[in-house]
Structures are given as structure tokens and as C-alpha cells.
Amino acid sequence: QDLDCGGLCNAIEKVTPALNGKHFS
């Protein structure tokens, strides 16, 4: 799931691997 929880979710998604261009938190 791509949660929109603000800065923390954005930070998690920025430093963890994507799958087919999608980032998950």
C-alpha cells in the first residue's frame, strides 16, 4: 500500500525500493 501519511511516508518511499515505479509505505 502507498499510504499518504505525510513526511514519514514520503521519507520511507524515497529510500526504499520501488516496484514498477510504485513506492510503498
PDB file of all heavy atoms in Angstrom:
ATOM      1  N   GLN A   1       0.825  -1.204   0.000  1.00  0.00           N
ATOM      2  CA  GLN A   1       0.000   0.000   0.000  1.00  0.00           C
ATOM      3  C   GLN A   1       0.864   1.262   0.000  1.00  0.00           C
ATOM      4  O   GLN A   1       1.865   1.355   0.715  1.00  0.00           O
ATOM      5  CB  GLN A   1      -0.902  -0.015   1.229  1.00  0.00           C
ATOM      6  CG  GLN A   1      -1.995   1.042   1.247  1.00  0.00           C
ATOM      7  CD  GLN A   1      -3.021   0.733   2.334  1.00  0.00           C
ATOM      8  OE1 GLN A   1      -2.679   0.478   3.474  1.00  0.00           O
ATOM      9  NE2 GLN A   1      -4.292   0.766   1.970  1.00  0.00           N
ATOM     10  N   ASP A   2       0.446   2.206  -0.821  1.00  0.00           N
ATOM     11  CA  ASP A   2       1.041   3.535  -0.827  1.00  0.00           C
ATOM     12  C   ASP A   2       0.160   4.416   0.049  1.00  0.00           C
ATOM     13  O   ASP A   2      -0.886   4.897  -0.385  1.00  0.00           O
ATOM     14  CB  ASP A   2       1.109   4.070  -2.263  1.00  0.00           C
ATOM     15  CG  ASP A   2       1.648   5.495  -2.343  1.00  0.00           C
ATOM     16  OD1 ASP A   2       1.928   6.104  -1.293  1.00  0.00           O
ATOM     17  OD2 ASP A   2       1.781   6.000  -3.474  1.00  0.00           O
ATOM     18  N   LEU A   3       0.584   4.585   1.303  1.00  0.00           N
ATOM     19  CA  LEU A   3      -0.163   5.440   2.221  1.00  0.00           C
ATOM     20  C   LEU A   3       0.288   6.884   2.051  1.00  0.00           C
ATOM     21  O   LEU A   3       1.478   7.155   1.893  1.00  0.00           O
ATOM     22  CB  LEU A   3       0.081   5.012   3.670  1.00  0.00           C
ATOM     23  CG  LEU A   3      -0.625   3.763   4.176  1.00  0.00           C
ATOM     24  CD1 LEU A   3      -0.196   3.485   5.612  1.00  0.00           C
ATOM     25  CD2 LEU A   3      -2.137   3.919   4.098  1.00  0.00           C
ATOM     26  N   ASP A   4      -0.648   7.796   2.108  1.00  0.00           N
ATOM     27  CA  ASP A   4      -0.302   9.215   2.084  1.00  0.00           C
ATOM     28  C   ASP A   4      -0.385   9.741   3.516  1.00  0.00           C
ATOM     29  O   ASP A   4      -1.391  10.309   3.928  1.00  0.00           O
ATOM     30  CB  ASP A   4      -1.268   9.972   1.160  1.00  0.00           C
ATOM     31  CG  ASP A   4      -1.128   9.531  -0.283  1.00  0.00           C
ATOM     32  OD1 ASP A   4       0.012   9.274  -0.703  1.00  0.00           O
ATOM     33  OD2 ASP A   4      -2.151   9.442  -0.981  1.00  0.00           O
ATOM     34  N   CYS A   5       0.696   9.511   4.274  1.00  0.00           N
ATOM     35  CA  CYS A   5       0.673   9.899   5.687  1.00  0.00           C
ATOM     36  C   CYS A   5       1.611  11.074   5.958  1.00  0.00           C
ATOM     37  O   CYS A   5       2.022  11.296   7.084  1.00  0.00           O
ATOM     38  CB  CYS A   5       1.013   8.706   6.578  1.00  0.00           C
ATOM     39  SG  CYS A   5       2.733   8.155   6.502  1.00  0.00           S
ATOM     40  N   GLY A   6       1.965  11.802   4.894  1.00  0.00           N
ATOM     41  CA  GLY A   6       2.794  12.974   5.100  1.00  0.00           C
ATOM     42  C   GLY A   6       4.279  12.684   5.007  1.00  0.00           C
ATOM     43  O   GLY A   6       4.715  11.788   4.276  1.00  0.00           O
ATOM     44  N   GLY A   7       5.056  13.425   5.780  1.00  0.00           N
ATOM     45  CA  GLY A   7       6.507  13.385   5.680  1.00  0.00           C
ATOM     46  C   GLY A   7       7.125  12.027   5.936  1.00  0.00           C
ATOM     47  O   GLY A   7       8.084  11.649   5.252  1.00  0.00           O
ATOM     48  N   LEU A   8       6.589  11.272   6.890  1.00  0.00           N
ATOM     49  CA  LEU A   8       7.176   9.971   7.197  1.00  0.00           C
ATOM     50  C   LEU A   8       6.988   8.997   6.041  1.00  0.00           C
ATOM     51  O   LEU A   8       7.922   8.285   5.654  1.00  0.00           O
ATOM     52  CB  LEU A   8       6.576   9.392   8.486  1.00  0.00           C
ATOM     53  CG  LEU A   8       6.933  10.120   9.781  1.00  0.00           C
ATOM     54  CD1 LEU A   8       6.310   9.398  10.965  1.00  0.00           C
ATOM     55  CD2 LEU A   8       8.439  10.217   9.961  1.00  0.00           C
ATOM     56  N   CYS A   9       5.776   8.940   5.486  1.00  0.00           N
ATOM     57  CA  CYS A   9       5.553   8.039   4.348  1.00  0.00           C
ATOM     58  C   CYS A   9       6.400   8.452   3.152  1.00  0.00           C
ATOM     59  O   CYS A   9       6.974   7.602   2.465  1.00  0.00           O
ATOM     60  CB  CYS A   9       4.075   8.034   3.965  1.00  0.00           C
ATOM     61  SG  CYS A   9       3.029   7.036   5.060  1.00  0.00           S
ATOM     62  N   ASN A  10       6.488   9.747   2.932  1.00  0.00           N
ATOM     63  CA  ASN A  10       7.315  10.222   1.815  1.00  0.00           C
ATOM     64  C   ASN A  10       8.772   9.829   2.011  1.00  0.00           C
ATOM     65  O   ASN A  10       9.453   9.423   1.054  1.00  0.00           O
ATOM     66  CB  ASN A  10       7.201  11.743   1.688  1.00  0.00           C
ATOM     67  CG  ASN A  10       5.815  12.186   1.268  1.00  0.00           C
ATOM     68  OD1 ASN A  10       5.054  11.409   0.709  1.00  0.00           O
ATOM     69  ND2 ASN A  10       5.482  13.432   1.558  1.00  0.00           N
ATOM     70  N   ALA A  11       9.251   9.926   3.245  1.00  0.00           N
ATOM     71  CA  ALA A  11      10.644   9.572   3.541  1.00  0.00           C
ATOM     72  C   ALA A  11      10.882   8.083   3.345  1.00  0.00           C
ATOM     73  O   ALA A  11      11.898   7.664   2.777  1.00  0.00           O
ATOM     74  CB  ALA A  11      10.998   9.991   4.966  1.00  0.00           C
ATOM     75  N   ILE A  12       9.934   7.260   3.820  1.00  0.00           N
ATOM     76  CA  ILE A  12      10.051   5.808   3.649  1.00  0.00           C
ATOM     77  C   ILE A  12      10.119   5.464   2.170  1.00  0.00           C
ATOM     78  O   ILE A  12      10.974   4.687   1.719  1.00  0.00           O
ATOM     79  CB  ILE A  12       8.863   5.082   4.319  1.00  0.00           C
ATOM     80  CG1 ILE A  12       8.943   5.209   5.847  1.00  0.00           C
ATOM     81  CG2 ILE A  12       8.833   3.602   3.916  1.00  0.00           C
ATOM     82  CD1 ILE A  12       7.687   4.760   6.569  1.00  0.00           C
ATOM     83  N   GLU A  13       9.222   6.043   1.406  1.00  0.00           N
ATOM     84  CA  GLU A  13       9.134   5.699  -0.015  1.00  0.00           C
ATOM     85  C   GLU A  13      10.360   6.172  -0.792  1.00  0.00           C
ATOM     86  O   GLU A  13      10.745   5.558  -1.790  1.00  0.00           O
ATOM     87  CB  GLU A  13       7.845   6.278  -0.596  1.00  0.00           C
ATOM     88  CG  GLU A  13       6.601   5.590  -0.026  1.00  0.00           C
ATOM     89  CD  GLU A  13       5.294   6.241  -0.448  1.00  0.00           C
ATOM     90  OE1 GLU A  13       5.341   7.146  -1.308  1.00  0.00           O
ATOM     91  OE2 GLU A  13       4.239   5.848   0.072  1.00  0.00           O
ATOM     92  N   LYS A  14      11.000   7.249  -0.315  1.00  0.00           N
ATOM     93  CA  LYS A  14      12.141   7.798  -1.046  1.00  0.00           C
ATOM     94  C   LYS A  14      13.395   6.943  -0.901  1.00  0.00           C
ATOM     95  O   LYS A  14      14.273   6.959  -1.770  1.00  0.00           O
ATOM     96  CB  LYS A  14      12.421   9.229  -0.590  1.00  0.00           C
ATOM     97  CG  LYS A  14      13.382   9.996  -1.498  1.00  0.00           C
ATOM     98  CD  LYS A  14      13.416  11.464  -1.164  1.00  0.00           C
ATOM     99  CE  LYS A  14      14.326  12.212  -2.143  1.00  0.00           C
ATOM    100  NZ  LYS A  14      14.369  13.668  -1.843  1.00  0.00           N
ATOM    101  N   VAL A  15      13.502   6.197   0.207  1.00  0.00           N
ATOM    102  CA  VAL A  15      14.747   5.446   0.461  1.00  0.00           C
ATOM    103  C   VAL A  15      14.558   3.935   0.370  1.00  0.00           C
ATOM    104  O   VAL A  15      15.480   3.175   0.676  1.00  0.00           O
ATOM    105  CB  VAL A  15      15.356   5.807   1.841  1.00  0.00           C
ATOM    106  CG1 VAL A  15      15.682   7.282   1.911  1.00  0.00           C
ATOM    107  CG2 VAL A  15      14.435   5.399   2.986  1.00  0.00           C
ATOM    108  N   THR A  16      13.382   3.481  -0.045  1.00  0.00           N
ATOM    109  CA  THR A  16      13.143   2.038  -0.159  1.00  0.00           C
ATOM    110  C   THR A  16      12.822   1.691  -1.610  1.00  0.00           C
ATOM    111  O   THR A  16      12.397   2.542  -2.384  1.00  0.00           O
ATOM    112  CB  THR A  16      11.989   1.581   0.764  1.00  0.00           C
ATOM    113  OG1 THR A  16      10.794   2.300   0.435  1.00  0.00           O
ATOM    114  CG2 THR A  16      12.344   1.823   2.228  1.00  0.00           C
ATOM    115  N   PRO A  17      13.043   0.422  -2.008  1.00  0.00           N
ATOM    116  CA  PRO A  17      12.897   0.046  -3.419  1.00  0.00           C
ATOM    117  C   PRO A  17      11.470   0.211  -3.933  1.00  0.00           C
ATOM    118  O   PRO A  17      10.499  -0.038  -3.214  1.00  0.00           O
ATOM    119  CB  PRO A  17      13.296  -1.436  -3.435  1.00  0.00           C
ATOM    120  CG  PRO A  17      14.066  -1.653  -2.184  1.00  0.00           C
ATOM    121  CD  PRO A  17      13.514  -0.696  -1.183  1.00  0.00           C
ATOM    122  N   ALA A  18      11.357   0.630  -5.178  1.00  0.00           N
ATOM    123  CA  ALA A  18      10.065   0.708  -5.850  1.00  0.00           C
ATOM    124  C   ALA A  18       9.820  -0.597  -6.603  1.00  0.00           C
ATOM    125  O   ALA A  18      10.733  -1.385  -6.826  1.00  0.00           O
ATOM    126  CB  ALA A  18      10.040   1.885  -6.810  1.00  0.00           C
ATOM    127  N   LEU A  19       8.589  -0.813  -6.987  1.00  0.00           N
ATOM    128  CA  LEU A  19       8.224  -1.951  -7.848  1.00  0.00           C
ATOM    129  C   LEU A  19       7.463  -1.388  -9.036  1.00  0.00           C
ATOM    130  O   LEU A  19       6.388  -0.807  -8.871  1.00  0.00           O
ATOM    131  CB  LEU A  19       7.351  -2.947  -7.083  1.00  0.00           C
ATOM    132  CG  LEU A  19       6.966  -4.196  -7.876  1.00  0.00           C
ATOM    133  CD1 LEU A  19       8.157  -5.164  -7.975  1.00  0.00           C
ATOM    134  CD2 LEU A  19       5.770  -4.895  -7.242  1.00  0.00           C
ATOM    135  N   ASN A  20       8.045  -1.531 -10.217  1.00  0.00           N
ATOM    136  CA  ASN A  20       7.423  -0.998 -11.435  1.00  0.00           C
ATOM    137  C   ASN A  20       7.061   0.480 -11.281  1.00  0.00           C
ATOM    138  O   ASN A  20       5.990   0.927 -11.712  1.00  0.00           O
ATOM    139  CB  ASN A  20       6.171  -1.808 -11.800  1.00  0.00           C
ATOM    140  CG  ASN A  20       6.493  -3.266 -12.071  1.00  0.00           C
ATOM    141  OD1 ASN A  20       7.581  -3.592 -12.536  1.00  0.00           O
ATOM    142  ND2 ASN A  20       5.550  -4.152 -11.777  1.00  0.00           N
ATOM    143  N   GLY A  21       7.955   1.215 -10.611  1.00  0.00           N
ATOM    144  CA  GLY A  21       7.758   2.649 -10.445  1.00  0.00           C
ATOM    145  C   GLY A  21       6.850   3.045  -9.301  1.00  0.00           C
ATOM    146  O   GLY A  21       6.639   4.233  -9.064  1.00  0.00           O
ATOM    147  N   LYS A  22       6.313   2.064  -8.590  1.00  0.00           N
ATOM    148  CA  LYS A  22       5.422   2.362  -7.463  1.00  0.00           C
ATOM    149  C   LYS A  22       6.170   2.174  -6.141  1.00  0.00           C
ATOM    150  O   LYS A  22       6.911   1.209  -5.966  1.00  0.00           O
ATOM    151  CB  LYS A  22       4.177   1.471  -7.508  1.00  0.00           C
ATOM    152  CG  LYS A  22       3.275   1.767  -8.710  1.00  0.00           C
ATOM    153  CD  LYS A  22       2.054   0.858  -8.714  1.00  0.00           C
ATOM    154  CE  LYS A  22       1.029   1.332  -9.749  1.00  0.00           C
ATOM    155  NZ  LYS A  22       1.507   1.173 -11.126  1.00  0.00           N
ATOM    156  N   HIS A  23       5.934   3.106  -5.221  1.00  0.00           N
ATOM    157  CA  HIS A  23       6.587   3.067  -3.911  1.00  0.00           C
ATOM    158  C   HIS A  23       5.560   2.730  -2.836  1.00  0.00           C
ATOM    159  O   HIS A  23       4.417   3.194  -2.884  1.00  0.00           O
ATOM    160  CB  HIS A  23       7.223   4.422  -3.591  1.00  0.00           C
ATOM    161  CG  HIS A  23       8.396   4.740  -4.458  1.00  0.00           C
ATOM    162  ND1 HIS A  23       9.690   4.441  -4.100  1.00  0.00           N
ATOM    163  CD2 HIS A  23       8.469   5.334  -5.673  1.00  0.00           C
ATOM    164  CE1 HIS A  23      10.509   4.835  -5.053  1.00  0.00           C
ATOM    165  NE2 HIS A  23       9.800   5.383  -6.022  1.00  0.00           N
ATOM    166  N   PHE A  24       5.992   1.954  -1.848  1.00  0.00           N
ATOM    167  CA  PHE A  24       5.083   1.504  -0.796  1.00  0.00           C
ATOM    168  C   PHE A  24       5.580   1.932   0.588  1.00  0.00           C
ATOM    169  O   PHE A  24       6.776   1.907   0.862  1.00  0.00           O
ATOM    170  CB  PHE A  24       4.947  -0.022  -0.819  1.00  0.00           C
ATOM    171  CG  PHE A  24       4.662  -0.565  -2.186  1.00  0.00           C
ATOM    172  CD1 PHE A  24       5.552  -1.431  -2.818  1.00  0.00           C
ATOM    173  CD2 PHE A  24       3.503  -0.209  -2.869  1.00  0.00           C
ATOM    174  CE1 PHE A  24       5.305  -1.927  -4.082  1.00  0.00           C
ATOM    175  CE2 PHE A  24       3.242  -0.702  -4.135  1.00  0.00           C
ATOM    176  CZ  PHE A  24       4.142  -1.565  -4.743  1.00  0.00           C
ATOM    177  N   SER A  25       4.612   2.276   1.434  1.00  0.00           N
ATOM    178  CA  SER A  25       4.942   2.613   2.818  1.00  0.00           C
ATOM    179  C   SER A  25       4.237   1.691   3.814  1.00  0.00           C
ATOM    180  O   SER A  25       4.410   1.839   5.030  1.00  0.00           O
ATOM    181  CB  SER A  25       4.571   4.074   3.109  1.00  0.00           C
ATOM    182  OG  SER A  25       3.282   4.378   2.608  1.00  0.00           O
TER     183      SER A  25
END
